[in-house]
Amino acid sequence: FRQAPGQEREFVAAISRSGGNRIVSDSVKGRFTISRDNAKN
């Protein structure tokens, strides 16, 4: 999530525990990528 000064907290991206389900907000789609490495936590 992100929060700019004077603004509400905004969702950016999320990933499931397995990494198989990823969601990215429309405002960052195509620019931001979320990933995880469970071996490295």
Full PDB file with SEQRES, HELIX, SHEET, SSBOND, CRYST1, ORIGX, SCALE, CONECT and MASTER records, all heavy atoms in Angstrom:
SEQRES   1 A   41  PHE ARG GLN ALA PRO GLY GLN GLU ARG GLU PHE VAL ALA          
SEQRES   2 A   41  ALA ILE SER ARG SER GLY GLY ASN ARG ILE VAL SER ASP          
SEQRES   3 A   41  SER VAL LYS GLY ARG PHE THR ILE SER ARG ASP ASN ALA          
SEQRES   4 A   41  LYS ASN                                                      
SHEET    1 AA1 2 ALA A  13  ILE A  15  0                                        
SHEET    2 AA1 2 ARG A  22  VAL A  24 -1                                        
CRYST1    1.000    1.000    1.000  90.00  90.00  90.00 P 1           1          
ORIGX1      1.000000  0.000000  0.000000        0.00000                         
ORIGX2      0.000000  1.000000  0.000000        0.00000                         
ORIGX3      0.000000  0.000000  1.000000        0.00000                         
SCALE1      1.000000  0.000000  0.000000        0.00000                         
SCALE2      0.000000  1.000000  0.000000        0.00000                         
SCALE3      0.000000  0.000000  1.000000        0.00000                         
ATOM      1  N   PHE A   1       0.858  -1.177   0.000  1.00  0.00           N  
ATOM      2  CA  PHE A   1       0.000   0.000   0.000  1.00  0.00           C  
ATOM      3  C   PHE A   1       0.900   1.234   0.000  1.00  0.00           C  
ATOM      4  O   PHE A   1       2.087   1.146   0.323  1.00  0.00           O  
ATOM      5  CB  PHE A   1      -0.901   0.020   1.240  1.00  0.00           C  
ATOM      6  CG  PHE A   1      -1.914  -1.085   1.266  1.00  0.00           C  
ATOM      7  CD1 PHE A   1      -1.553  -2.384   1.604  1.00  0.00           C  
ATOM      8  CD2 PHE A   1      -3.239  -0.835   0.951  1.00  0.00           C  
ATOM      9  CE1 PHE A   1      -2.492  -3.411   1.611  1.00  0.00           C  
ATOM     10  CE2 PHE A   1      -4.191  -1.844   0.962  1.00  0.00           C  
ATOM     11  CZ  PHE A   1      -3.810  -3.138   1.292  1.00  0.00           C  
ATOM     12  N   ARG A   2       0.331   2.366  -0.338  1.00  0.00           N  
ATOM     13  CA  ARG A   2       1.098   3.602  -0.285  1.00  0.00           C  
ATOM     14  C   ARG A   2       0.222   4.737   0.214  1.00  0.00           C  
ATOM     15  O   ARG A   2      -1.002   4.701   0.084  1.00  0.00           O  
ATOM     16  CB  ARG A   2       1.686   3.942  -1.653  1.00  0.00           C  
ATOM     17  CG  ARG A   2       0.656   4.284  -2.723  1.00  0.00           C  
ATOM     18  CD  ARG A   2       1.343   4.460  -4.075  1.00  0.00           C  
ATOM     19  NE  ARG A   2       0.391   4.834  -5.125  1.00  0.00           N  
ATOM     20  CZ  ARG A   2       0.718   4.940  -6.403  1.00  0.00           C  
ATOM     21  NH1 ARG A   2       1.965   4.709  -6.816  1.00  0.00           N  
ATOM     22  NH2 ARG A   2      -0.208   5.299  -7.288  1.00  0.00           N  
ATOM     23  N   GLN A   3       0.878   5.705   0.802  1.00  0.00           N  
ATOM     24  CA  GLN A   3       0.149   6.867   1.317  1.00  0.00           C  
ATOM     25  C   GLN A   3       0.960   8.127   1.043  1.00  0.00           C  
ATOM     26  O   GLN A   3       2.106   8.260   1.515  1.00  0.00           O  
ATOM     27  CB  GLN A   3      -0.116   6.720   2.811  1.00  0.00           C  
ATOM     28  CG  GLN A   3      -1.017   7.794   3.366  1.00  0.00           C  
ATOM     29  CD  GLN A   3      -1.529   7.458   4.751  1.00  0.00           C  
ATOM     30  OE1 GLN A   3      -0.974   6.633   5.463  1.00  0.00           O  
ATOM     31  NE2 GLN A   3      -2.629   8.089   5.145  1.00  0.00           N  
ATOM     32  N   ALA A   4       0.376   9.014   0.271  1.00  0.00           N  
ATOM     33  CA  ALA A   4       0.984  10.306  -0.026  1.00  0.00           C  
ATOM     34  C   ALA A   4       0.503  11.314   1.011  1.00  0.00           C  
ATOM     35  O   ALA A   4      -0.556  11.134   1.623  1.00  0.00           O  
ATOM     36  CB  ALA A   4       0.604  10.749  -1.431  1.00  0.00           C  
ATOM     37  N   PRO A   5       1.247  12.390   1.220  1.00  0.00           N  
ATOM     38  CA  PRO A   5       0.850  13.396   2.210  1.00  0.00           C  
ATOM     39  C   PRO A   5      -0.550  13.928   1.954  1.00  0.00           C  
ATOM     40  O   PRO A   5      -0.894  14.295   0.831  1.00  0.00           O  
ATOM     41  CB  PRO A   5       1.912  14.496   2.017  1.00  0.00           C  
ATOM     42  CG  PRO A   5       3.085  13.795   1.475  1.00  0.00           C  
ATOM     43  CD  PRO A   5       2.545  12.708   0.601  1.00  0.00           C  
ATOM     44  N   GLY A   6      -1.365  13.925   2.991  1.00  0.00           N  
ATOM     45  CA  GLY A   6      -2.712  14.459   2.883  1.00  0.00           C  
ATOM     46  C   GLY A   6      -3.702  13.555   2.185  1.00  0.00           C  
ATOM     47  O   GLY A   6      -4.854  13.952   1.965  1.00  0.00           O  
ATOM     48  N   GLN A   7      -3.274  12.350   1.838  1.00  0.00           N  
ATOM     49  CA  GLN A   7      -4.160  11.425   1.132  1.00  0.00           C  
ATOM     50  C   GLN A   7      -4.353  10.145   1.939  1.00  0.00           C  
ATOM     51  O   GLN A   7      -3.586   9.841   2.844  1.00  0.00           O  
ATOM     52  CB  GLN A   7      -3.586  11.093  -0.248  1.00  0.00           C  
ATOM     53  CG  GLN A   7      -3.458  12.303  -1.158  1.00  0.00           C  
ATOM     54  CD  GLN A   7      -3.064  11.923  -2.570  1.00  0.00           C  
ATOM     55  OE1 GLN A   7      -3.241  10.788  -2.995  1.00  0.00           O  
ATOM     56  NE2 GLN A   7      -2.547  12.889  -3.305  1.00  0.00           N  
ATOM     57  N   GLU A   8      -5.405   9.401   1.592  1.00  0.00           N  
ATOM     58  CA  GLU A   8      -5.666   8.129   2.251  1.00  0.00           C  
ATOM     59  C   GLU A   8      -4.721   7.052   1.734  1.00  0.00           C  
ATOM     60  O   GLU A   8      -4.167   7.162   0.644  1.00  0.00           O  
ATOM     61  CB  GLU A   8      -7.119   7.717   2.017  1.00  0.00           C  
ATOM     62  CG  GLU A   8      -8.133   8.637   2.664  1.00  0.00           C  
ATOM     63  CD  GLU A   8      -9.555   8.123   2.528  1.00  0.00           C  
ATOM     64  OE1 GLU A   8      -9.759   7.126   1.819  1.00  0.00           O  
ATOM     65  OE2 GLU A   8     -10.448   8.726   3.134  1.00  0.00           O  
ATOM     66  N   ARG A   9      -4.562   6.023   2.552  1.00  0.00           N  
ATOM     67  CA  ARG A   9      -3.739   4.906   2.130  1.00  0.00           C  
ATOM     68  C   ARG A   9      -4.382   4.218   0.926  1.00  0.00           C  
ATOM     69  O   ARG A   9      -5.595   4.009   0.899  1.00  0.00           O  
ATOM     70  CB  ARG A   9      -3.571   3.912   3.283  1.00  0.00           C  
ATOM     71  CG  ARG A   9      -2.560   2.831   3.024  1.00  0.00           C  
ATOM     72  CD  ARG A   9      -2.236   2.086   4.303  1.00  0.00           C  
ATOM     73  NE  ARG A   9      -1.550   2.953   5.263  1.00  0.00           N  
ATOM     74  CZ  ARG A   9      -1.083   2.516   6.436  1.00  0.00           C  
ATOM     75  NH1 ARG A   9      -1.243   1.249   6.787  1.00  0.00           N  
ATOM     76  NH2 ARG A   9      -0.470   3.337   7.265  1.00  0.00           N  
ATOM     77  N   GLU A  10      -3.563   3.864  -0.048  1.00  0.00           N  
ATOM     78  CA  GLU A  10      -4.042   3.342  -1.325  1.00  0.00           C  
ATOM     79  C   GLU A  10      -3.423   1.979  -1.602  1.00  0.00           C  
ATOM     80  O   GLU A  10      -2.222   1.782  -1.408  1.00  0.00           O  
ATOM     81  CB  GLU A  10      -3.639   4.326  -2.440  1.00  0.00           C  
ATOM     82  CG  GLU A  10      -3.901   3.865  -3.854  1.00  0.00           C  
ATOM     83  CD  GLU A  10      -3.261   4.750  -4.902  1.00  0.00           C  
ATOM     84  OE1 GLU A  10      -2.325   5.501  -4.552  1.00  0.00           O  
ATOM     85  OE2 GLU A  10      -3.676   4.697  -6.063  1.00  0.00           O  
ATOM     86  N   PHE A  11      -4.251   1.058  -2.082  1.00  0.00           N  
ATOM     87  CA  PHE A  11      -3.748  -0.258  -2.470  1.00  0.00           C  
ATOM     88  C   PHE A  11      -2.878  -0.159  -3.711  1.00  0.00           C  
ATOM     89  O   PHE A  11      -3.210   0.571  -4.655  1.00  0.00           O  
ATOM     90  CB  PHE A  11      -4.924  -1.202  -2.741  1.00  0.00           C  
ATOM     91  CG  PHE A  11      -4.527  -2.489  -3.396  1.00  0.00           C  
ATOM     92  CD1 PHE A  11      -3.934  -3.498  -2.659  1.00  0.00           C  
ATOM     93  CD2 PHE A  11      -4.738  -2.698  -4.748  1.00  0.00           C  
ATOM     94  CE1 PHE A  11      -3.558  -4.689  -3.258  1.00  0.00           C  
ATOM     95  CE2 PHE A  11      -4.374  -3.879  -5.363  1.00  0.00           C  
ATOM     96  CZ  PHE A  11      -3.776  -4.873  -4.619  1.00  0.00           C  
ATOM     97  N   VAL A  12      -1.767  -0.912  -3.715  1.00  0.00           N  
ATOM     98  CA  VAL A  12      -0.869  -0.923  -4.867  1.00  0.00           C  
ATOM     99  C   VAL A  12      -0.838  -2.308  -5.523  1.00  0.00           C  
ATOM    100  O   VAL A  12      -1.087  -2.451  -6.715  1.00  0.00           O  
ATOM    101  CB  VAL A  12       0.554  -0.516  -4.461  1.00  0.00           C  
ATOM    102  CG1 VAL A  12       1.501  -0.615  -5.652  1.00  0.00           C  
ATOM    103  CG2 VAL A  12       0.570   0.894  -3.880  1.00  0.00           C  
ATOM    104  N   ALA A  13      -0.516  -3.334  -4.734  1.00  0.00           N  
ATOM    105  CA  ALA A  13      -0.397  -4.683  -5.290  1.00  0.00           C  
ATOM    106  C   ALA A  13      -0.469  -5.698  -4.161  1.00  0.00           C  
ATOM    107  O   ALA A  13      -0.227  -5.364  -2.999  1.00  0.00           O  
ATOM    108  CB  ALA A  13       0.922  -4.846  -6.051  1.00  0.00           C  
ATOM    109  N   ALA A  14      -0.801  -6.938  -4.523  1.00  0.00           N  
ATOM    110  CA  ALA A  14      -0.860  -8.001  -3.522  1.00  0.00           C  
ATOM    111  C   ALA A  14      -0.545  -9.335  -4.167  1.00  0.00           C  
ATOM    112  O   ALA A  14      -0.729  -9.508  -5.385  1.00  0.00           O  
ATOM    113  CB  ALA A  14      -2.232  -8.046  -2.856  1.00  0.00           C  
ATOM    114  N   ILE A  15      -0.086 -10.272  -3.339  1.00  0.00           N  
ATOM    115  CA  ILE A  15       0.279 -11.588  -3.842  1.00  0.00           C  
ATOM    116  C   ILE A  15      -0.143 -12.635  -2.826  1.00  0.00           C  
ATOM    117  O   ILE A  15      -0.057 -12.421  -1.607  1.00  0.00           O  
ATOM    118  CB  ILE A  15       1.799 -11.649  -4.125  1.00  0.00           C  
ATOM    119  CG1 ILE A  15       2.180 -12.928  -4.868  1.00  0.00           C  
ATOM    120  CG2 ILE A  15       2.609 -11.478  -2.844  1.00  0.00           C  
ATOM    121  CD1 ILE A  15       3.596 -12.860  -5.460  1.00  0.00           C  
ATOM    122  N   SER A  16      -0.631 -13.761  -3.332  1.00  0.00           N  
ATOM    123  CA  SER A  16      -1.072 -14.835  -2.450  1.00  0.00           C  
ATOM    124  C   SER A  16       0.116 -15.551  -1.831  1.00  0.00           C  
ATOM    125  O   SER A  16       1.270 -15.386  -2.267  1.00  0.00           O  
ATOM    126  CB  SER A  16      -1.931 -15.827  -3.233  1.00  0.00           C  
ATOM    127  OG  SER A  16      -1.159 -16.409  -4.272  1.00  0.00           O  
ATOM    128  N   ARG A  17      -0.142 -16.369  -0.835  1.00  0.00           N  
ATOM    129  CA  ARG A  17       0.940 -17.051  -0.124  1.00  0.00           C  
ATOM    130  C   ARG A  17       1.740 -17.973  -1.040  1.00  0.00           C  
ATOM    131  O   ARG A  17       2.937 -18.152  -0.843  1.00  0.00           O  
ATOM    132  CB  ARG A  17       0.397 -17.825   1.075  1.00  0.00           C  
ATOM    133  CG  ARG A  17      -0.703 -18.811   0.773  1.00  0.00           C  
ATOM    134  CD  ARG A  17      -1.151 -19.547   2.028  1.00  0.00           C  
ATOM    135  NE  ARG A  17      -0.343 -20.736   2.264  1.00  0.00           N  
ATOM    136  CZ  ARG A  17      -0.523 -21.573   3.270  1.00  0.00           C  
ATOM    137  NH1 ARG A  17      -1.477 -21.336   4.166  1.00  0.00           N  
ATOM    138  NH2 ARG A  17       0.242 -22.632   3.428  1.00  0.00           N  
ATOM    139  N   SER A  18       1.094 -18.530  -2.037  1.00  0.00           N  
ATOM    140  CA  SER A  18       1.805 -19.401  -2.974  1.00  0.00           C  
ATOM    141  C   SER A  18       2.484 -18.626  -4.098  1.00  0.00           C  
ATOM    142  O   SER A  18       3.331 -19.162  -4.809  1.00  0.00           O  
ATOM    143  CB  SER A  18       0.830 -20.407  -3.588  1.00  0.00           C  
ATOM    144  OG  SER A  18      -0.065 -19.743  -4.464  1.00  0.00           O  
ATOM    145  N   GLY A  19       2.081 -17.378  -4.276  1.00  0.00           N  
ATOM    146  CA  GLY A  19       2.602 -16.581  -5.376  1.00  0.00           C  
ATOM    147  C   GLY A  19       1.812 -16.746  -6.663  1.00  0.00           C  
ATOM    148  O   GLY A  19       2.078 -16.071  -7.651  1.00  0.00           O  
ATOM    149  N   GLY A  20       0.825 -17.625  -6.647  1.00  0.00           N  
ATOM    150  CA  GLY A  20       0.090 -17.903  -7.866  1.00  0.00           C  
ATOM    151  C   GLY A  20      -0.999 -16.904  -8.195  1.00  0.00           C  
ATOM    152  O   GLY A  20      -1.496 -16.874  -9.324  1.00  0.00           O  
ATOM    153  N   ASN A  21      -1.386 -16.090  -7.250  1.00  0.00           N  
ATOM    154  CA  ASN A  21      -2.444 -15.101  -7.456  1.00  0.00           C  
ATOM    155  C   ASN A  21      -1.872 -13.716  -7.158  1.00  0.00           C  
ATOM    156  O   ASN A  21      -1.435 -13.444  -6.039  1.00  0.00           O  
ATOM    157  CB  ASN A  21      -3.629 -15.402  -6.530  1.00  0.00           C  
ATOM    158  CG  ASN A  21      -4.854 -14.581  -6.877  1.00  0.00           C  
ATOM    159  OD1 ASN A  21      -4.761 -13.558  -7.558  1.00  0.00           O  
ATOM    160  ND2 ASN A  21      -6.004 -15.010  -6.411  1.00  0.00           N  
ATOM    161  N   ARG A  22      -1.873 -12.850  -8.166  1.00  0.00           N  
ATOM    162  CA  ARG A  22      -1.313 -11.506  -8.020  1.00  0.00           C  
ATOM    163  C   ARG A  22      -2.332 -10.486  -8.494  1.00  0.00           C  
ATOM    164  O   ARG A  22      -3.013 -10.692  -9.498  1.00  0.00           O  
ATOM    165  CB  ARG A  22      -0.012 -11.364  -8.822  1.00  0.00           C  
ATOM    166  CG  ARG A  22       0.987 -12.460  -8.559  1.00  0.00           C  
ATOM    167  CD  ARG A  22       2.243 -12.325  -9.375  1.00  0.00           C  
ATOM    168  NE  ARG A  22       3.033 -13.548  -9.319  1.00  0.00           N  
ATOM    169  CZ  ARG A  22       4.316 -13.614  -9.635  1.00  0.00           C  
ATOM    170  NH1 ARG A  22       4.957 -12.519 -10.022  1.00  0.00           N  
ATOM    171  NH2 ARG A  22       4.959 -14.757  -9.565  1.00  0.00           N  
ATOM    172  N   ILE A  23      -2.408  -9.398  -7.765  1.00  0.00           N  
ATOM    173  CA  ILE A  23      -3.312  -8.296  -8.110  1.00  0.00           C  
ATOM    174  C   ILE A  23      -2.510  -7.014  -8.108  1.00  0.00           C  
ATOM    175  O   ILE A  23      -1.690  -6.783  -7.221  1.00  0.00           O  
ATOM    176  CB  ILE A  23      -4.461  -8.180  -7.090  1.00  0.00           C  
ATOM    177  CG1 ILE A  23      -5.198  -9.516  -6.930  1.00  0.00           C  
ATOM    178  CG2 ILE A  23      -5.439  -7.095  -7.514  1.00  0.00           C  
ATOM    179  CD1 ILE A  23      -6.194  -9.521  -5.794  1.00  0.00           C  
ATOM    180  N   VAL A  24      -2.746  -6.181  -9.124  1.00  0.00           N  
ATOM    181  CA  VAL A  24      -2.070  -4.893  -9.227  1.00  0.00           C  
ATOM    182  C   VAL A  24      -3.127  -3.828  -9.491  1.00  0.00           C  
ATOM    183  O   VAL A  24      -4.034  -4.051 -10.298  1.00  0.00           O  
ATOM    184  CB  VAL A  24      -1.023  -4.908 -10.356  1.00  0.00           C  
ATOM    185  CG1 VAL A  24      -0.336  -3.562 -10.467  1.00  0.00           C  
ATOM    186  CG2 VAL A  24       0.012  -5.989 -10.107  1.00  0.00           C  
ATOM    187  N   SER A  25      -3.031  -2.699  -8.837  1.00  0.00           N  
ATOM    188  CA  SER A  25      -4.020  -1.651  -9.033  1.00  0.00           C  
ATOM    189  C   SER A  25      -3.922  -1.085 -10.442  1.00  0.00           C  
ATOM    190  O   SER A  25      -2.868  -1.135 -11.090  1.00  0.00           O  
ATOM    191  CB  SER A  25      -3.827  -0.532  -8.008  1.00  0.00           C  
ATOM    192  OG  SER A  25      -2.656   0.206  -8.306  1.00  0.00           O  
ATOM    193  N   ASP A  26      -5.019  -0.532 -10.910  1.00  0.00           N  
ATOM    194  CA  ASP A  26      -5.036   0.041 -12.256  1.00  0.00           C  
ATOM    195  C   ASP A  26      -4.035   1.181 -12.407  1.00  0.00           C  
ATOM    196  O   ASP A  26      -3.488   1.390 -13.488  1.00  0.00           O  
ATOM    197  CB  ASP A  26      -6.439   0.548 -12.584  1.00  0.00           C  
ATOM    198  CG  ASP A  26      -7.433  -0.582 -12.799  1.00  0.00           C  
ATOM    199  OD1 ASP A  26      -6.989  -1.735 -13.032  1.00  0.00           O  
ATOM    200  OD2 ASP A  26      -8.644  -0.313 -12.735  1.00  0.00           O  
ATOM    201  N   SER A  27      -3.780   1.902 -11.328  1.00  0.00           N  
ATOM    202  CA  SER A  27      -2.892   3.063 -11.413  1.00  0.00           C  
ATOM    203  C   SER A  27      -1.432   2.676 -11.655  1.00  0.00           C  
ATOM    204  O   SER A  27      -0.640   3.516 -12.102  1.00  0.00           O  
ATOM    205  CB  SER A  27      -2.993   3.896 -10.136  1.00  0.00           C  
ATOM    206  OG  SER A  27      -2.568   3.146  -9.009  1.00  0.00           O  
ATOM    207  N   VAL A  28      -1.068   1.435 -11.388  1.00  0.00           N  
ATOM    208  CA  VAL A  28       0.327   1.014 -11.578  1.00  0.00           C  
ATOM    209  C   VAL A  28       0.452  -0.173 -12.530  1.00  0.00           C  
ATOM    210  O   VAL A  28       1.563  -0.657 -12.778  1.00  0.00           O  
ATOM    211  CB  VAL A  28       1.001   0.672 -10.232  1.00  0.00           C  
ATOM    212  CG1 VAL A  28       0.900   1.852  -9.275  1.00  0.00           C  
ATOM    213  CG2 VAL A  28       0.390  -0.579  -9.620  1.00  0.00           C  
ATOM    214  N   LYS A  29      -0.668  -0.617 -13.065  1.00  0.00           N  
ATOM    215  CA  LYS A  29      -0.645  -1.788 -13.952  1.00  0.00           C  
ATOM    216  C   LYS A  29       0.244  -1.531 -15.156  1.00  0.00           C  
ATOM    217  O   LYS A  29       0.202  -0.458 -15.761  1.00  0.00           O  
ATOM    218  CB  LYS A  29      -2.067  -2.112 -14.397  1.00  0.00           C  
ATOM    219  CG  LYS A  29      -2.220  -3.463 -15.076  1.00  0.00           C  
ATOM    220  CD  LYS A  29      -3.691  -3.831 -15.199  1.00  0.00           C  
ATOM    221  CE  LYS A  29      -4.317  -4.076 -13.846  1.00  0.00           C  
ATOM    222  NZ  LYS A  29      -5.734  -4.493 -13.941  1.00  0.00           N  
ATOM    223  N   GLY A  30       1.075  -2.507 -15.466  1.00  0.00           N  
ATOM    224  CA  GLY A  30       1.997  -2.378 -16.585  1.00  0.00           C  
ATOM    225  C   GLY A  30       3.320  -1.736 -16.199  1.00  0.00           C  
ATOM    226  O   GLY A  30       4.262  -1.731 -17.002  1.00  0.00           O  
ATOM    227  N   ARG A  31       3.392  -1.195 -14.984  1.00  0.00           N  
ATOM    228  CA  ARG A  31       4.634  -0.546 -14.525  1.00  0.00           C  
ATOM    229  C   ARG A  31       5.218  -1.233 -13.293  1.00  0.00           C  
ATOM    230  O   ARG A  31       6.443  -1.300 -13.146  1.00  0.00           O  
ATOM    231  CB  ARG A  31       4.375   0.929 -14.198  1.00  0.00           C  
ATOM    232  CG  ARG A  31       3.863   1.733 -15.374  1.00  0.00           C  
ATOM    233  CD  ARG A  31       3.788   3.217 -15.047  1.00  0.00           C  
ATOM    234  NE  ARG A  31       2.840   3.509 -13.968  1.00  0.00           N  
ATOM    235  CZ  ARG A  31       3.173   4.114 -12.835  1.00  0.00           C  
ATOM    236  NH1 ARG A  31       4.417   4.477 -12.611  1.00  0.00           N  
ATOM    237  NH2 ARG A  31       2.256   4.358 -11.914  1.00  0.00           N  
ATOM    238  N   PHE A  32       4.364  -1.727 -12.412  1.00  0.00           N  
ATOM    239  CA  PHE A  32       4.815  -2.367 -11.171  1.00  0.00           C  
ATOM    240  C   PHE A  32       4.568  -3.865 -11.252  1.00  0.00           C  
ATOM    241  O   PHE A  32       3.551  -4.315 -11.783  1.00  0.00           O  
ATOM    242  CB  PHE A  32       4.054  -1.816  -9.971  1.00  0.00           C  
ATOM    243  CG  PHE A  32       4.370  -0.396  -9.598  1.00  0.00           C  
ATOM    244  CD1 PHE A  32       5.072   0.450 -10.441  1.00  0.00           C  
ATOM    245  CD2 PHE A  32       3.924   0.111  -8.383  1.00  0.00           C  
ATOM    246  CE1 PHE A  32       5.335   1.755 -10.088  1.00  0.00           C  
ATOM    247  CE2 PHE A  32       4.188   1.417  -8.013  1.00  0.00           C  
ATOM    248  CZ  PHE A  32       4.891   2.251  -8.867  1.00  0.00           C  
ATOM    249  N   THR A  33       5.492  -4.628 -10.671  1.00  0.00           N  
ATOM    250  CA  THR A  33       5.371  -6.087 -10.626  1.00  0.00           C  
ATOM    251  C   THR A  33       5.649  -6.572  -9.215  1.00  0.00           C  
ATOM    252  O   THR A  33       6.665  -6.194  -8.621  1.00  0.00           O  
ATOM    253  CB  THR A  33       6.364  -6.748 -11.600  1.00  0.00           C  
ATOM    254  OG1 THR A  33       6.162  -6.245 -12.916  1.00  0.00           O  
ATOM    255  CG2 THR A  33       6.187  -8.260 -11.594  1.00  0.00           C  
ATOM    256  N   ILE A  34       4.773  -7.423  -8.702  1.00  0.00           N  
ATOM    257  CA  ILE A  34       4.976  -7.991  -7.378  1.00  0.00           C  
ATOM    258  C   ILE A  34       5.404  -9.442  -7.511  1.00  0.00           C  
ATOM    259  O   ILE A  34       4.911 -10.167  -8.387  1.00  0.00           O  
ATOM    260  CB  ILE A  34       3.695  -7.861  -6.512  1.00  0.00           C  
ATOM    261  CG1 ILE A  34       3.972  -8.262  -5.067  1.00  0.00           C  
ATOM    262  CG2 ILE A  34       2.530  -8.656  -7.104  1.00  0.00           C  
ATOM    263  CD1 ILE A  34       2.833  -7.912  -4.112  1.00  0.00           C  
ATOM    264  N   SER A  35       6.334  -9.849  -6.650  1.00  0.00           N  
ATOM    265  CA  SER A  35       6.812 -11.228  -6.670  1.00  0.00           C  
ATOM    266  C   SER A  35       7.225 -11.622  -5.260  1.00  0.00           C  
ATOM    267  O   SER A  35       7.341 -10.764  -4.380  1.00  0.00           O  
ATOM    268  CB  SER A  35       7.995 -11.376  -7.628  1.00  0.00           C  
ATOM    269  OG  SER A  35       9.090 -10.582  -7.193  1.00  0.00           O  
ATOM    270  N   ARG A  36       7.447 -12.902  -5.041  1.00  0.00           N  
ATOM    271  CA  ARG A  36       7.884 -13.338  -3.716  1.00  0.00           C  
ATOM    272  C   ARG A  36       8.852 -14.506  -3.827  1.00  0.00           C  
ATOM    273  O   ARG A  36       8.834 -15.266  -4.813  1.00  0.00           O  
ATOM    274  CB  ARG A  36       6.694 -13.722  -2.839  1.00  0.00           C  
ATOM    275  CG  ARG A  36       5.954 -14.973  -3.197  1.00  0.00           C  
ATOM    276  CD  ARG A  36       4.702 -15.127  -2.317  1.00  0.00           C  
ATOM    277  NE  ARG A  36       5.048 -15.200  -0.896  1.00  0.00           N  
ATOM    278  CZ  ARG A  36       4.185 -14.918   0.080  1.00  0.00           C  
ATOM    279  NH1 ARG A  36       2.940 -14.550  -0.197  1.00  0.00           N  
ATOM    280  NH2 ARG A  36       4.559 -15.017   1.350  1.00  0.00           N  
ATOM    281  N   ASP A  37       9.690 -14.626  -2.807  1.00  0.00           N  
ATOM    282  CA  ASP A  37      10.622 -15.734  -2.690  1.00  0.00           C  
ATOM    283  C   ASP A  37      10.451 -16.283  -1.281  1.00  0.00           C  
ATOM    284  O   ASP A  37      11.005 -15.749  -0.314  1.00  0.00           O  
ATOM    285  CB  ASP A  37      12.059 -15.248  -2.917  1.00  0.00           C  
ATOM    286  CG  ASP A  37      13.067 -16.389  -2.912  1.00  0.00           C  
ATOM    287  OD1 ASP A  37      12.765 -17.462  -2.358  1.00  0.00           O  
ATOM    288  OD2 ASP A  37      14.161 -16.198  -3.435  1.00  0.00           O  
ATOM    289  N   ASN A  38       9.662 -17.323  -1.146  1.00  0.00           N  
ATOM    290  CA  ASN A  38       9.353 -17.849   0.186  1.00  0.00           C  
ATOM    291  C   ASN A  38      10.573 -18.481   0.852  1.00  0.00           C  
ATOM    292  O   ASN A  38      10.644 -18.549   2.079  1.00  0.00           O  
ATOM    293  CB  ASN A  38       8.209 -18.846   0.106  1.00  0.00           C  
ATOM    294  CG  ASN A  38       6.858 -18.162  -0.018  1.00  0.00           C  
ATOM    295  OD1 ASN A  38       6.710 -16.976   0.299  1.00  0.00           O  
ATOM    296  ND2 ASN A  38       5.858 -18.883  -0.501  1.00  0.00           N  
ATOM    297  N   ALA A  39      11.532 -18.917   0.070  1.00  0.00           N  
ATOM    298  CA  ALA A  39      12.760 -19.465   0.658  1.00  0.00           C  
ATOM    299  C   ALA A  39      13.546 -18.382   1.381  1.00  0.00           C  
ATOM    300  O   ALA A  39      14.271 -18.663   2.342  1.00  0.00           O  
ATOM    301  CB  ALA A  39      13.613 -20.110  -0.430  1.00  0.00           C  
ATOM    302  N   LYS A  40      13.406 -17.146   0.902  1.00  0.00           N  
ATOM    303  CA  LYS A  40      14.112 -16.018   1.511  1.00  0.00           C  
ATOM    304  C   LYS A  40      13.193 -15.152   2.371  1.00  0.00           C  
ATOM    305  O   LYS A  40      13.628 -14.132   2.910  1.00  0.00           O  
ATOM    306  CB  LYS A  40      14.762 -15.162   0.427  1.00  0.00           C  
ATOM    307  CG  LYS A  40      15.837 -15.882  -0.369  1.00  0.00           C  
ATOM    308  CD  LYS A  40      16.453 -14.954  -1.406  1.00  0.00           C  
ATOM    309  CE  LYS A  40      17.559 -15.675  -2.190  1.00  0.00           C  
ATOM    310  NZ  LYS A  40      18.157 -14.785  -3.234  1.00  0.00           N  
ATOM    311  N   ASN A  41      11.920 -15.554   2.457  1.00  0.00           N  
ATOM    312  CA  ASN A  41      10.941 -14.798   3.248  1.00  0.00           C  
ATOM    313  C   ASN A  41      10.862 -13.336   2.820  1.00  0.00           C  
ATOM    314  O   ASN A  41      10.858 -12.419   3.654  1.00  0.00           O  
ATOM    315  CB  ASN A  41      11.259 -14.878   4.741  1.00  0.00           C  
ATOM    316  CG  ASN A  41      11.061 -16.274   5.287  1.00  0.00           C  
ATOM    317  OD1 ASN A  41      10.107 -16.962   4.932  1.00  0.00           O  
ATOM    318  ND2 ASN A  41      11.977 -16.716   6.140  1.00  0.00           N  
TER     319      ASN A  41                                                      
MASTER        0    0    0    0    2    0    0    6  318    1    0    4          
END                                                                             
